[in-house]
Amino acid sequence: MLEGELNLLIDGQPEKTLKAGDSYQIPAGVVHDAKAHGDKAMKVLGVYVVDKTKPLASPAP
């Protein structure tokens, strides 16, 4: 997180509220969602480690 706050939902885990300076990891293949928390806009820097032979994303089951 670079700026603002977000609510992070990862399937099978309790909801987390993250603020600037926090980091998180989403396991491959796990359903997840993130939404801005509060009135301030959020900025997130995403880094993906992927297998080039597989699609980056797939629809939720």
Protein backbone atom coordinates (compact mmCIF):
# COMPACT_ATOMS: atom_id res chain seq x y z
CA MET A 1 0.00 0.00 0.00
CA LEU A 2 1.37 3.35 -1.01
CA GLU A 3 -1.50 5.64 0.05
CA GLY A 4 -4.91 5.41 1.69
CA GLU A 5 -6.56 2.34 3.20
CA LEU A 6 -8.29 -0.74 1.81
CA ASN A 7 -10.39 -3.63 3.01
CA LEU A 8 -8.91 -6.90 1.77
CA LEU A 9 -11.00 -10.05 1.48
CA ILE A 10 -9.22 -13.36 0.86
CA ASP A 11 -11.34 -16.52 0.77
CA GLY A 12 -11.04 -18.46 4.03
CA GLN A 13 -9.48 -15.55 5.98
CA PRO A 14 -10.99 -12.75 8.08
CA GLU A 15 -11.31 -9.34 6.40
CA LYS A 16 -8.24 -7.14 6.89
CA THR A 17 -7.95 -3.35 6.80
CA LEU A 18 -4.59 -2.26 5.40
CA LYS A 19 -3.02 1.20 5.46
CA ALA A 20 -0.10 2.91 3.73
CA GLY A 21 3.12 0.99 4.39
CA ASP A 22 1.39 -2.39 4.85
CA SER A 23 2.02 -5.31 2.52
CA TYR A 24 0.08 -8.46 1.74
CA GLN A 25 0.26 -11.64 -0.31
CA ILE A 26 -2.60 -13.39 -2.08
CA PRO A 27 -2.02 -17.11 -2.66
CA ALA A 28 -2.30 -18.29 -6.27
CA GLY A 29 -5.78 -19.42 -7.29
CA VAL A 30 -7.55 -18.00 -4.22
CA VAL A 31 -10.67 -15.84 -4.67
CA HIS A 32 -10.06 -12.31 -3.35
CA ASP A 33 -11.35 -8.73 -3.46
CA ALA A 34 -10.17 -5.31 -2.30
CA LYS A 35 -12.15 -2.11 -1.77
CA ALA A 36 -11.14 1.39 -0.73
CA HIS A 37 -11.70 2.07 2.97
CA GLY A 38 -12.80 5.59 3.89
CA ASP A 39 -12.98 8.72 1.76
CA LYS A 40 -9.36 8.93 0.61
CA ALA A 41 -8.28 7.32 -2.66
CA MET A 42 -5.87 4.41 -2.39
CA LYS A 43 -2.72 3.61 -4.36
CA VAL A 44 -1.40 0.06 -4.50
CA LEU A 45 1.75 -1.26 -6.14
CA GLY A 46 1.18 -4.80 -7.40
CA VAL A 47 3.94 -7.30 -8.13
CA TYR A 48 2.97 -10.56 -9.83
CA VAL A 49 5.11 -13.70 -9.94
CA VAL A 50 3.58 -15.88 -12.64
CA ASP A 51 4.13 -18.96 -14.74
CA LYS A 52 4.38 -17.62 -18.30
CA THR A 53 2.73 -20.78 -19.65
CA LYS A 54 -0.51 -20.12 -17.69
CA PRO A 55 -3.08 -17.29 -17.84
CA LEU A 56 -2.57 -14.40 -15.41
CA ALA A 57 -6.15 -14.65 -14.13
CA SER A 58 -9.12 -16.96 -14.41
CA PRO A 59 -12.81 -16.56 -13.54
CA ALA A 60 -13.94 -17.52 -10.05
CA PRO A 61 -15.62 -20.95 -9.89
